[in-house]
Amino acid sequence: MINPVVWFEVLGQNADNLRSFYHELLGWEFNTDNPLNYGVVEAPNGGIGGGVGEVLEGRGWTTFYTKVSDLDACVQRARDMGSRVLLPINDLPGGRLAVVTDPEGNPVGLCADL
């Protein structure tokens, strides 16, 4: 896979309820020791790590993040293809990310250096 999926994310109105659901259903353990109370779940045995947290505004989503070599160019290419940008490029301590839509309106996460 040229641009591998490297992270997943579930965002909603009540992060504590979401984390309780995934913990009870799948046994996931979360580390929320961060300023945003974002629940990071580690992925042992070759799985993909991810996070469960609260959406900052609007409706929540479940998405995956694909690592790309040039995030700016990839977001622009998505725009040129008719995608909406749901989350503009954000610089985070571990890298940069953005969320665009696919042709059906589903969120698609893009990241660099995560």
PDB file of N, CA and C in Angstrom:
ATOM      1  N   MET A   1       0.852  -1.166   0.000  1.00  0.00           N
ATOM      2  CA  MET A   1       0.000   0.000   0.000  1.00  0.00           C
ATOM      3  C   MET A   1       0.901   1.232   0.000  1.00  0.00           C
ATOM      4  N   ILE A   2       0.744   2.099  -0.972  1.00  0.00           N
ATOM      5  CA  ILE A   2       1.587   3.290  -1.094  1.00  0.00           C
ATOM      6  C   ILE A   2       1.342   4.269   0.052  1.00  0.00           C
ATOM      7  N   ASN A   3       0.084   4.546   0.346  1.00  0.00           N
ATOM      8  CA  ASN A   3      -0.288   5.469   1.422  1.00  0.00           C
ATOM      9  C   ASN A   3      -1.064   4.682   2.467  1.00  0.00           C
ATOM     10  N   PRO A   4      -0.377   4.146   3.480  1.00  0.00           N
ATOM     11  CA  PRO A   4      -1.017   3.238   4.430  1.00  0.00           C
ATOM     12  C   PRO A   4      -1.940   3.949   5.423  1.00  0.00           C
ATOM     13  N   VAL A   5      -2.961   3.239   5.871  1.00  0.00           N
ATOM     14  CA  VAL A   5      -3.805   3.703   6.963  1.00  0.00           C
ATOM     15  C   VAL A   5      -2.976   3.579   8.238  1.00  0.00           C
ATOM     16  N   VAL A   6      -2.865   4.664   8.999  1.00  0.00           N
ATOM     17  CA  VAL A   6      -2.000   4.666  10.175  1.00  0.00           C
ATOM     18  C   VAL A   6      -2.730   5.024  11.476  1.00  0.00           C
ATOM     19  N   TRP A   7      -3.991   5.428  11.392  1.00  0.00           N
ATOM     20  CA  TRP A   7      -4.706   5.872  12.591  1.00  0.00           C
ATOM     21  C   TRP A   7      -6.192   5.822  12.318  1.00  0.00           C
ATOM     22  N   PHE A   8      -7.001   5.584  13.326  1.00  0.00           N
ATOM     23  CA  PHE A   8      -8.449   5.719  13.194  1.00  0.00           C
ATOM     24  C   PHE A   8      -8.923   6.703  14.249  1.00  0.00           C
ATOM     25  N   GLU A   9     -10.137   7.216  14.054  1.00  0.00           N
ATOM     26  CA  GLU A   9     -10.665   8.174  15.006  1.00  0.00           C
ATOM     27  C   GLU A   9     -12.182   8.074  15.060  1.00  0.00           C
ATOM     28  N   VAL A  10     -12.710   8.149  16.271  1.00  0.00           N
ATOM     29  CA  VAL A  10     -14.145   8.201  16.505  1.00  0.00           C
ATOM     30  C   VAL A  10     -14.396   9.457  17.333  1.00  0.00           C
ATOM     31  N   LEU A  11     -15.170  10.396  16.788  1.00  0.00           N
ATOM     32  CA  LEU A  11     -15.492  11.628  17.494  1.00  0.00           C
ATOM     33  C   LEU A  11     -16.996  11.755  17.634  1.00  0.00           C
ATOM     34  N   GLY A  12     -17.437  12.256  18.772  1.00  0.00           N
ATOM     35  CA  GLY A  12     -18.860  12.440  19.001  1.00  0.00           C
ATOM     36  C   GLY A  12     -19.113  13.500  20.049  1.00  0.00           C
ATOM     37  N   GLN A  13     -20.370  13.635  20.444  1.00  0.00           N
ATOM     38  CA  GLN A  13     -20.773  14.660  21.403  1.00  0.00           C
ATOM     39  C   GLN A  13     -20.356  14.330  22.833  1.00  0.00           C
ATOM     40  N   ASN A  14     -20.238  13.030  23.165  1.00  0.00           N
ATOM     41  CA  ASN A  14     -19.910  12.631  24.535  1.00  0.00           C
ATOM     42  C   ASN A  14     -18.809  11.571  24.499  1.00  0.00           C
ATOM     43  N   ALA A  15     -17.576  12.017  24.637  1.00  0.00           N
ATOM     44  CA  ALA A  15     -16.420  11.119  24.527  1.00  0.00           C
ATOM     45  C   ALA A  15     -16.434  10.041  25.600  1.00  0.00           C
ATOM     46  N   ASP A  16     -16.863  10.387  26.816  1.00  0.00           N
ATOM     47  CA  ASP A  16     -16.884   9.389  27.886  1.00  0.00           C
ATOM     48  C   ASP A  16     -17.831   8.243  27.546  1.00  0.00           C
ATOM     49  N   ASN A  17     -19.005   8.552  27.003  1.00  0.00           N
ATOM     50  CA  ASN A  17     -19.942   7.500  26.600  1.00  0.00           C
ATOM     51  C   ASN A  17     -19.381   6.649  25.465  1.00  0.00           C
ATOM     52  N   LEU A  18     -18.735   7.303  24.518  1.00  0.00           N
ATOM     53  CA  LEU A  18     -18.133   6.555  23.408  1.00  0.00           C
ATOM     54  C   LEU A  18     -17.054   5.607  23.918  1.00  0.00           C
ATOM     55  N   ARG A  19     -16.186   6.112  24.774  1.00  0.00           N
ATOM     56  CA  ARG A  19     -15.114   5.266  25.291  1.00  0.00           C
ATOM     57  C   ARG A  19     -15.675   4.115  26.129  1.00  0.00           C
ATOM     58  N   SER A  20     -16.713   4.381  26.905  1.00  0.00           N
ATOM     59  CA  SER A  20     -17.354   3.299  27.677  1.00  0.00           C
ATOM     60  C   SER A  20     -17.905   2.224  26.755  1.00  0.00           C
ATOM     61  N   PHE A  21     -18.537   2.641  25.659  1.00  0.00           N
ATOM     62  CA  PHE A  21     -19.086   1.697  24.688  1.00  0.00           C
ATOM     63  C   PHE A  21     -17.989   0.806  24.111  1.00  0.00           C
ATOM     64  N   TYR A  22     -16.909   1.427  23.599  1.00  0.00           N
ATOM     65  CA  TYR A  22     -15.836   0.646  22.973  1.00  0.00           C
ATOM     66  C   TYR A  22     -15.078  -0.203  23.990  1.00  0.00           C
ATOM     67  N   HIS A  23     -14.979   0.276  25.222  1.00  0.00           N
ATOM     68  CA  HIS A  23     -14.339  -0.520  26.267  1.00  0.00           C
ATOM     69  C   HIS A  23     -15.184  -1.759  26.572  1.00  0.00           C
ATOM     70  N   GLU A  24     -16.485  -1.556  26.765  1.00  0.00           N
ATOM     71  CA  GLU A  24     -17.358  -2.685  27.106  1.00  0.00           C
ATOM     72  C   GLU A  24     -17.500  -3.657  25.937  1.00  0.00           C
ATOM     73  N   LEU A  25     -17.632  -3.124  24.726  1.00  0.00           N
ATOM     74  CA  LEU A  25     -17.826  -3.984  23.556  1.00  0.00           C
ATOM     75  C   LEU A  25     -16.548  -4.703  23.140  1.00  0.00           C
ATOM     76  N   LEU A  26     -15.422  -3.982  23.102  1.00  0.00           N
ATOM     77  CA  LEU A  26     -14.192  -4.529  22.523  1.00  0.00           C
ATOM     78  C   LEU A  26     -13.032  -4.668  23.506  1.00  0.00           C
ATOM     79  N   GLY A  27     -13.224  -4.185  24.731  1.00  0.00           N
ATOM     80  CA  GLY A  27     -12.156  -4.281  25.726  1.00  0.00           C
ATOM     81  C   GLY A  27     -11.042  -3.270  25.562  1.00  0.00           C
ATOM     82  N   TRP A  28     -11.281  -2.231  24.768  1.00  0.00           N
ATOM     83  CA  TRP A  28     -10.246  -1.225  24.542  1.00  0.00           C
ATOM     84  C   TRP A  28      -9.975  -0.443  25.808  1.00  0.00           C
ATOM     85  N   GLU A  29      -8.690  -0.181  26.083  1.00  0.00           N
ATOM     86  CA  GLU A  29      -8.255   0.652  27.201  1.00  0.00           C
ATOM     87  C   GLU A  29      -7.749   1.974  26.629  1.00  0.00           C
ATOM     88  N   PHE A  30      -8.118   3.080  27.259  1.00  0.00           N
ATOM     89  CA  PHE A  30      -7.791   4.403  26.744  1.00  0.00           C
ATOM     90  C   PHE A  30      -6.864   5.165  27.677  1.00  0.00           C
ATOM     91  N   ASN A  31      -5.943   5.921  27.099  1.00  0.00           N
ATOM     92  CA  ASN A  31      -5.101   6.855  27.843  1.00  0.00           C
ATOM     93  C   ASN A  31      -5.624   8.254  27.519  1.00  0.00           C
ATOM     94  N   THR A  32      -6.166   8.930  28.528  1.00  0.00           N
ATOM     95  CA  THR A  32      -6.710  10.279  28.326  1.00  0.00           C
ATOM     96  C   THR A  32      -5.845  11.343  28.992  1.00  0.00           C
ATOM     97  N   ASP A  33      -4.593  11.012  29.251  1.00  0.00           N
ATOM     98  CA  ASP A  33      -3.686  11.942  29.917  1.00  0.00           C
ATOM     99  C   ASP A  33      -3.148  12.967  28.916  1.00  0.00           C
ATOM    100  N   ASN A  34      -4.015  13.884  28.500  1.00  0.00           N
ATOM    101  CA  ASN A  34      -3.648  14.942  27.574  1.00  0.00           C
ATOM    102  C   ASN A  34      -4.631  16.096  27.756  1.00  0.00           C
ATOM    103  N   PRO A  35      -4.289  17.291  27.310  1.00  0.00           N
ATOM    104  CA  PRO A  35      -5.136  18.466  27.552  1.00  0.00           C
ATOM    105  C   PRO A  35      -6.547  18.371  26.968  1.00  0.00           C
ATOM    106  N   LEU A  36      -6.753  17.628  25.897  1.00  0.00           N
ATOM    107  CA  LEU A  36      -8.068  17.540  25.263  1.00  0.00           C
ATOM    108  C   LEU A  36      -8.914  16.379  25.782  1.00  0.00           C
ATOM    109  N   ASN A  37      -8.374  15.585  26.726  1.00  0.00           N
ATOM    110  CA  ASN A  37      -9.075  14.404  27.228  1.00  0.00           C
ATOM    111  C   ASN A  37      -9.405  13.456  26.066  1.00  0.00           C
ATOM    112  N   TYR A  38      -8.517  13.422  25.097  1.00  0.00           N
ATOM    113  CA  TYR A  38      -8.659  12.570  23.915  1.00  0.00           C
ATOM    114  C   TYR A  38      -8.195  11.177  24.301  1.00  0.00           C
ATOM    115  N   GLY A  39      -9.035  10.179  24.100  1.00  0.00           N
ATOM    116  CA  GLY A  39      -8.710   8.822  24.505  1.00  0.00           C
ATOM    117  C   GLY A  39      -7.919   8.067  23.460  1.00  0.00           C
ATOM    118  N   VAL A  40      -6.650   7.877  23.702  1.00  0.00           N
ATOM    119  CA  VAL A  40      -5.777   7.156  22.774  1.00  0.00           C
ATOM    120  C   VAL A  40      -5.798   5.679  23.134  1.00  0.00           C
ATOM    121  N   VAL A  41      -6.015   4.842  22.136  1.00  0.00           N
ATOM    122  CA  VAL A  41      -5.991   3.395  22.331  1.00  0.00           C
ATOM    123  C   VAL A  41      -4.812   2.834  21.549  1.00  0.00           C
ATOM    124  N   GLU A  42      -3.953   2.103  22.239  1.00  0.00           N
ATOM    125  CA  GLU A  42      -2.781   1.486  21.610  1.00  0.00           C
ATOM    126  C   GLU A  42      -3.218   0.235  20.862  1.00  0.00           C
ATOM    127  N   ALA A  43      -2.436  -0.154  19.898  1.00  0.00           N
ATOM    128  CA  ALA A  43      -2.777  -1.310  19.081  1.00  0.00           C
ATOM    129  C   ALA A  43      -1.656  -2.340  19.112  1.00  0.00           C
ATOM    130  N   PRO A  44      -1.686  -3.245  20.081  1.00  0.00           N
ATOM    131  CA  PRO A  44      -0.672  -4.294  20.086  1.00  0.00           C
ATOM    132  C   PRO A  44      -0.933  -5.299  18.971  1.00  0.00           C
ATOM    133  N   ASN A  45       0.015  -6.149  18.722  1.00  0.00           N
ATOM    134  CA  ASN A  45      -0.139  -7.247  17.750  1.00  0.00           C
ATOM    135  C   ASN A  45      -0.366  -6.766  16.325  1.00  0.00           C
ATOM    136  N   GLY A  46       0.233  -5.645  15.944  1.00  0.00           N
ATOM    137  CA  GLY A  46       0.179  -5.203  14.557  1.00  0.00           C
ATOM    138  C   GLY A  46      -1.072  -4.460  14.155  1.00  0.00           C
ATOM    139  N   GLY A  47      -1.961  -4.135  15.089  1.00  0.00           N
ATOM    140  CA  GLY A  47      -3.164  -3.378  14.753  1.00  0.00           C
ATOM    141  C   GLY A  47      -2.857  -1.902  14.560  1.00  0.00           C
ATOM    142  N   ILE A  48      -3.869  -1.155  14.195  1.00  0.00           N
ATOM    143  CA  ILE A  48      -3.745   0.277  13.984  1.00  0.00           C
ATOM    144  C   ILE A  48      -4.263   0.994  15.223  1.00  0.00           C
ATOM    145  N   GLY A  49      -3.457   1.878  15.794  1.00  0.00           N
ATOM    146  CA  GLY A  49      -3.881   2.655  16.945  1.00  0.00           C
ATOM    147  C   GLY A  49      -4.868   3.725  16.538  1.00  0.00           C
ATOM    148  N   GLY A  50      -5.521   4.304  17.546  1.00  0.00           N
ATOM    149  CA  GLY A  50      -6.494   5.338  17.242  1.00  0.00           C
ATOM    150  C   GLY A  50      -6.892   6.118  18.458  1.00  0.00           C
ATOM    151  N   GLY A  51      -7.950   6.897  18.295  1.00  0.00           N
ATOM    152  CA  GLY A  51      -8.418   7.722  19.383  1.00  0.00           C
ATOM    153  C   GLY A  51      -9.915   7.906  19.363  1.00  0.00           C
ATOM    154  N   VAL A  52     -10.463   8.161  20.548  1.00  0.00           N
ATOM    155  CA  VAL A  52     -11.889   8.421  20.715  1.00  0.00           C
ATOM    156  C   VAL A  52     -12.013   9.680  21.551  1.00  0.00           C
ATOM    157  N   GLY A  53     -12.725  10.674  21.024  1.00  0.00           N
ATOM    158  CA  GLY A  53     -12.847  11.941  21.731  1.00  0.00           C
ATOM    159  C   GLY A  53     -14.087  12.705  21.331  1.00  0.00           C
ATOM    160  N   GLU A  54     -14.168  13.934  21.820  1.00  0.00           N
ATOM    161  CA  GLU A  54     -15.304  14.798  21.519  1.00  0.00           C
ATOM    162  C   GLU A  54     -15.004  15.649  20.305  1.00  0.00           C
ATOM    163  N   VAL A  55     -16.030  15.825  19.485  1.00  0.00           N
ATOM    164  CA  VAL A  55     -15.923  16.695  18.324  1.00  0.00           C
ATOM    165  C   VAL A  55     -15.913  18.138  18.821  1.00  0.00           C
ATOM    166  N   LEU A  56     -15.089  18.985  18.216  1.00  0.00           N
ATOM    167  CA  LEU A  56     -14.989  20.371  18.662  1.00  0.00           C
ATOM    168  C   LEU A  56     -16.197  21.186  18.225  1.00  0.00           C
ATOM    169  N   GLU A  57     -16.736  20.892  17.059  1.00  0.00           N
ATOM    170  CA  GLU A  57     -17.954  21.545  16.583  1.00  0.00           C
ATOM    171  C   GLU A  57     -18.589  20.672  15.511  1.00  0.00           C
ATOM    172  N   GLY A  58     -19.877  20.826  15.294  1.00  0.00           N
ATOM    173  CA  GLY A  58     -20.574  20.040  14.290  1.00  0.00           C
ATOM    174  C   GLY A  58     -20.843  18.625  14.759  1.00  0.00           C
ATOM    175  N   ARG A  59     -21.130  17.760  13.800  1.00  0.00           N
ATOM    176  CA  ARG A  59     -21.426  16.377  14.131  1.00  0.00           C
ATOM    177  C   ARG A  59     -20.163  15.552  14.185  1.00  0.00           C
ATOM    178  N   GLY A  60     -20.217  14.455  14.900  1.00  0.00           N
ATOM    179  CA  GLY A  60     -19.066  13.570  15.029  1.00  0.00           C
ATOM    180  C   GLY A  60     -18.844  12.753  13.768  1.00  0.00           C
ATOM    181  N   TRP A  61     -17.796  11.951  13.800  1.00  0.00           N
ATOM    182  CA  TRP A  61     -17.502  11.072  12.678  1.00  0.00           C
ATOM    183  C   TRP A  61     -16.626   9.926  13.129  1.00  0.00           C
ATOM    184  N   THR A  62     -16.588   8.917  12.295  1.00  0.00           N
ATOM    185  CA  THR A  62     -15.643   7.818  12.422  1.00  0.00           C
ATOM    186  C   THR A  62     -14.868   7.804  11.118  1.00  0.00           C
ATOM    187  N   THR A  63     -13.555   7.822  11.216  1.00  0.00           N
ATOM    188  CA  THR A  63     -12.755   7.860   9.998  1.00  0.00           C
ATOM    189  C   THR A  63     -11.414   7.168  10.224  1.00  0.00           C
ATOM    190  N   PHE A  64     -10.679   7.050   9.158  1.00  0.00           N
ATOM    191  CA  PHE A  64      -9.320   6.535   9.188  1.00  0.00           C
ATOM    192  C   PHE A  64      -8.414   7.634   8.662  1.00  0.00           C
ATOM    193  N   TYR A  65      -7.153   7.588   9.039  1.00  0.00           N
ATOM    194  CA  TYR A  65      -6.166   8.541   8.540  1.00  0.00           C
ATOM    195  C   TYR A  65      -5.140   7.803   7.707  1.00  0.00           C
ATOM    196  N   THR A  66      -4.916   8.312   6.512  1.00  0.00           N
ATOM    197  CA  THR A  66      -3.947   7.748   5.588  1.00  0.00           C
ATOM    198  C   THR A  66      -2.731   8.658   5.542  1.00  0.00           C
ATOM    199  N   LYS A  67      -1.555   8.059   5.681  1.00  0.00           N
ATOM    200  CA  LYS A  67      -0.318   8.836   5.644  1.00  0.00           C
ATOM    201  C   LYS A  67       0.029   9.170   4.193  1.00  0.00           C
ATOM    202  N   VAL A  68       0.278  10.452   3.940  1.00  0.00           N
ATOM    203  CA  VAL A  68       0.649  10.919   2.606  1.00  0.00           C
ATOM    204  C   VAL A  68       1.964  11.685   2.708  1.00  0.00           C
ATOM    205  N   SER A  69       2.688  11.754   1.611  1.00  0.00           N
ATOM    206  CA  SER A  69       3.995  12.413   1.641  1.00  0.00           C
ATOM    207  C   SER A  69       3.882  13.935   1.594  1.00  0.00           C
ATOM    208  N   ASP A  70       2.857  14.474   0.938  1.00  0.00           N
ATOM    209  CA  ASP A  70       2.683  15.923   0.819  1.00  0.00           C
ATOM    210  C   ASP A  70       1.240  16.263   1.153  1.00  0.00           C
ATOM    211  N   LEU A  71       0.987  16.601   2.408  1.00  0.00           N
ATOM    212  CA  LEU A  71      -0.379  16.843   2.875  1.00  0.00           C
ATOM    213  C   LEU A  71      -1.024  18.025   2.159  1.00  0.00           C
ATOM    214  N   ASP A  72      -0.294  19.111   1.994  1.00  0.00           N
ATOM    215  CA  ASP A  72      -0.849  20.290   1.326  1.00  0.00           C
ATOM    216  C   ASP A  72      -1.321  19.946  -0.092  1.00  0.00           C
ATOM    217  N   ALA A  73      -0.486  19.249  -0.836  1.00  0.00           N
ATOM    218  CA  ALA A  73      -0.829  18.878  -2.212  1.00  0.00           C
ATOM    219  C   ALA A  73      -2.006  17.903  -2.240  1.00  0.00           C
ATOM    220  N   CYS A  74      -2.050  16.989  -1.284  1.00  0.00           N
ATOM    221  CA  CYS A  74      -3.123  15.999  -1.260  1.00  0.00           C
ATOM    222  C   CYS A  74      -4.473  16.659  -0.948  1.00  0.00           C
ATOM    223  N   VAL A  75      -4.492  17.583   0.014  1.00  0.00           N
ATOM    224  CA  VAL A  75      -5.734  18.301   0.329  1.00  0.00           C
ATOM    225  C   VAL A  75      -6.171  19.123  -0.881  1.00  0.00           C
ATOM    226  N   GLN A  76      -5.245  19.776  -1.548  1.00  0.00           N
ATOM    227  CA  GLN A  76      -5.602  20.553  -2.741  1.00  0.00           C
ATOM    228  C   GLN A  76      -6.136  19.646  -3.851  1.00  0.00           C
ATOM    229  N   ARG A  77      -5.517  18.481  -4.017  1.00  0.00           N
ATOM    230  CA  ARG A  77      -5.990  17.532  -5.029  1.00  0.00           C
ATOM    231  C   ARG A  77      -7.410  17.087  -4.708  1.00  0.00           C
ATOM    232  N   ALA A  78      -7.695  16.831  -3.428  1.00  0.00           N
ATOM    233  CA  ALA A  78      -9.049  16.455  -3.021  1.00  0.00           C
ATOM    234  C   ALA A  78     -10.037  17.576  -3.349  1.00  0.00           C
ATOM    235  N   ARG A  79      -9.664  18.818  -3.045  1.00  0.00           N
ATOM    236  CA  ARG A  79     -10.523  19.963  -3.396  1.00  0.00           C
ATOM    237  C   ARG A  79     -10.788  20.003  -4.896  1.00  0.00           C
ATOM    238  N   ASP A  80      -9.728  19.831  -5.680  1.00  0.00           N
ATOM    239  CA  ASP A  80      -9.862  19.850  -7.135  1.00  0.00           C
ATOM    240  C   ASP A  80     -10.789  18.746  -7.634  1.00  0.00           C
ATOM    241  N   MET A  81     -10.865  17.660  -6.890  1.00  0.00           N
ATOM    242  CA  MET A  81     -11.735  16.531  -7.256  1.00  0.00           C
ATOM    243  C   MET A  81     -13.164  16.713  -6.745  1.00  0.00           C
ATOM    244  N   GLY A  82     -13.436  17.818  -6.046  1.00  0.00           N
ATOM    245  CA  GLY A  82     -14.783  18.098  -5.565  1.00  0.00           C
ATOM    246  C   GLY A  82     -15.018  17.819  -4.095  1.00  0.00           C
ATOM    247  N   SER A  83     -13.987  17.450  -3.364  1.00  0.00           N
ATOM    248  CA  SER A  83     -14.136  17.181  -1.931  1.00  0.00           C
ATOM    249  C   SER A  83     -14.356  18.470  -1.159  1.00  0.00           C
ATOM    250  N   ARG A  84     -15.084  18.331  -0.064  1.00  0.00           N
ATOM    251  CA  ARG A  84     -15.177  19.411   0.916  1.00  0.00           C
ATOM    252  C   ARG A  84     -14.110  19.162   1.968  1.00  0.00           C
ATOM    253  N   VAL A  85     -13.585  20.219   2.523  1.00  0.00           N
ATOM    254  CA  VAL A  85     -12.621  20.092   3.619  1.00  0.00           C
ATOM    255  C   VAL A  85     -13.402  20.212   4.919  1.00  0.00           C
ATOM    256  N   LEU A  86     -13.485  19.104   5.658  1.00  0.00           N
ATOM    257  CA  LEU A  86     -14.199  19.093   6.933  1.00  0.00           C
ATOM    258  C   LEU A  86     -13.334  19.632   8.065  1.00  0.00           C
ATOM    259  N   LEU A  87     -12.037  19.380   7.973  1.00  0.00           N
ATOM    260  CA  LEU A  87     -11.081  19.868   8.973  1.00  0.00           C
ATOM    261  C   LEU A  87      -9.844  20.334   8.215  1.00  0.00           C
ATOM    262  N   PRO A  88      -9.585  21.644   8.217  1.00  0.00           N
ATOM    263  CA  PRO A  88      -8.393  22.132   7.517  1.00  0.00           C
ATOM    264  C   PRO A  88      -7.121  21.566   8.137  1.00  0.00           C
ATOM    265  N   ILE A  89      -6.023  21.712   7.451  1.00  0.00           N
ATOM    266  CA  ILE A  89      -4.742  21.206   7.946  1.00  0.00           C
ATOM    267  C   ILE A  89      -4.449  21.786   9.327  1.00  0.00           C
ATOM    268  N   ASN A  90      -4.165  20.888  10.262  1.00  0.00           N
ATOM    269  CA  ASN A  90      -3.807  21.254  11.628  1.00  0.00           C
ATOM    270  C   ASN A  90      -2.409  20.745  11.919  1.00  0.00           C
ATOM    271  N   ASP A  91      -1.605  21.582  12.548  1.00  0.00           N
ATOM    272  CA  ASP A  91      -0.280  21.175  13.004  1.00  0.00           C
ATOM    273  C   ASP A  91      -0.392  20.727  14.443  1.00  0.00           C
ATOM    274  N   LEU A  92      -0.038  19.477  14.705  1.00  0.00           N
ATOM    275  CA  LEU A  92      -0.096  18.894  16.042  1.00  0.00           C
ATOM    276  C   LEU A  92       1.308  18.501  16.476  1.00  0.00           C
ATOM    277  N   PRO A  93       1.500  18.226  17.753  1.00  0.00           N
ATOM    278  CA  PRO A  93       2.841  17.836  18.206  1.00  0.00           C
ATOM    279  C   PRO A  93       3.429  16.642  17.446  1.00  0.00           C
ATOM    280  N   GLY A  94       2.596  15.675  17.051  1.00  0.00           N
ATOM    281  CA  GLY A  94       3.110  14.496  16.375  1.00  0.00           C
ATOM    282  C   GLY A  94       3.091  14.555  14.863  1.00  0.00           C
ATOM    283  N   GLY A  95       2.555  15.619  14.287  1.00  0.00           N
ATOM    284  CA  GLY A  95       2.466  15.707  12.835  1.00  0.00           C
ATOM    285  C   GLY A  95       1.375  16.662  12.408  1.00  0.00           C
ATOM    286  N   ARG A  96       0.938  16.504  11.169  1.00  0.00           N
ATOM    287  CA  ARG A  96      -0.092  17.367  10.589  1.00  0.00           C
ATOM    288  C   ARG A  96      -1.221  16.487  10.080  1.00  0.00           C
ATOM    289  N   LEU A  97      -2.467  17.013  10.153  1.00  0.00           N
ATOM    290  CA  LEU A  97      -3.586  16.239   9.638  1.00  0.00           C
ATOM    291  C   LEU A  97      -4.678  17.144   9.112  1.00  0.00           C
ATOM    292  N   ALA A  98      -5.544  16.554   8.279  1.00  0.00           N
ATOM    293  CA  ALA A  98      -6.710  17.232   7.724  1.00  0.00           C
ATOM    294  C   ALA A  98      -7.755  16.158   7.439  1.00  0.00           C
ATOM    295  N   VAL A  99      -9.014  16.585   7.264  1.00  0.00           N
ATOM    296  CA  VAL A  99     -10.089  15.654   6.915  1.00  0.00           C
ATOM    297  C   VAL A  99     -10.855  16.237   5.737  1.00  0.00           C
ATOM    298  N   VAL A 100     -11.005  15.429   4.693  1.00  0.00           N
ATOM    299  CA  VAL A 100     -11.764  15.799   3.500  1.00  0.00           C
ATOM    300  C   VAL A 100     -12.890  14.783   3.320  1.00  0.00           C
ATOM    301  N   THR A 101     -13.749  15.003   2.327  1.00  0.00           N
ATOM    302  CA  THR A 101     -14.824  14.044   2.055  1.00  0.00           C
ATOM    303  C   THR A 101     -14.525  13.230   0.803  1.00  0.00           C
ATOM    304  N   ASP A 102     -15.085  12.015   0.786  1.00  0.00           N
ATOM    305  CA  ASP A 102     -15.049  11.220  -0.435  1.00  0.00           C
ATOM    306  C   ASP A 102     -16.289  11.582  -1.270  1.00  0.00           C
ATOM    307  N   PRO A 103     -16.502  10.959  -2.450  1.00  0.00           N
ATOM    308  CA  PRO A 103     -17.646  11.325  -3.287  1.00  0.00           C
ATOM    309  C   PRO A 103     -19.009  11.115  -2.623  1.00  0.00           C
ATOM    310  N   GLU A 104     -19.097  10.275  -1.595  1.00  0.00           N
ATOM    311  CA  GLU A 104     -20.360  10.035  -0.890  1.00  0.00           C
ATOM    312  C   GLU A 104     -20.513  10.942   0.328  1.00  0.00           C
ATOM    313  N   GLY A 105     -19.523  11.788   0.597  1.00  0.00           N
ATOM    314  CA  GLY A 105     -19.584  12.668   1.754  1.00  0.00           C
ATOM    315  C   GLY A 105     -18.984  12.099   3.021  1.00  0.00           C
ATOM    316  N   ASN A 106     -18.395  10.893   2.938  1.00  0.00           N
ATOM    317  CA  ASN A 106     -17.763  10.274   4.108  1.00  0.00           C
ATOM    318  C   ASN A 106     -16.447  10.992   4.420  1.00  0.00           C
ATOM    319  N   PRO A 107     -16.125  11.114   5.715  1.00  0.00           N
ATOM    320  CA  PRO A 107     -14.852  11.759   6.062  1.00  0.00           C
ATOM    321  C   PRO A 107     -13.666  10.836   5.760  1.00  0.00           C
ATOM    322  N   VAL A 108     -12.593  11.437   5.242  1.00  0.00           N
ATOM    323  CA  VAL A 108     -11.345  10.726   4.964  1.00  0.00           C
ATOM    324  C   VAL A 108     -10.214  11.529   5.589  1.00  0.00           C
ATOM    325  N   GLY A 109      -9.537  10.951   6.553  1.00  0.00           N
ATOM    326  CA  GLY A 109      -8.430  11.628   7.208  1.00  0.00           C
ATOM    327  C   GLY A 109      -7.144  11.475   6.415  1.00  0.00           C
ATOM    328  N   LEU A 110      -6.394  12.552   6.354  1.00  0.00           N
ATOM    329  CA  LEU A 110      -5.087  12.553   5.696  1.00  0.00           C
ATOM    330  C   LEU A 110      -4.079  13.086   6.701  1.00  0.00           C
ATOM    331  N   CYS A 111      -2.889  12.502   6.738  1.00  0.00           N
ATOM    332  CA  CYS A 111      -1.897  12.966   7.709  1.00  0.00           C
ATOM    333  C   CYS A 111      -0.487  12.845   7.153  1.00  0.00           C
ATOM    334  N   ALA A 112       0.388  13.595   7.787  1.00  0.00           N
ATOM    335  CA  ALA A 112       1.812  13.532   7.493  1.00  0.00           C
ATOM    336  C   ALA A 112       2.558  13.489   8.811  1.00  0.00           C
ATOM    337  N   ASP A 113       3.515  12.613   8.912  1.00  0.00           N
ATOM    338  CA  ASP A 113       4.387  12.503  10.089  1.00  0.00           C
ATOM    339  C   ASP A 113       3.682  12.100  11.369  1.00  0.00           C
ATOM    340  N   LEU A 114       2.615  11.316  11.296  1.00  0.00           N
ATOM    341  CA  LEU A 114       1.974  10.799  12.517  1.00  0.00           C
ATOM    342  C   LEU A 114       2.561   9.455  12.845  1.00  0.00           C
TER     343      LEU A 114
END
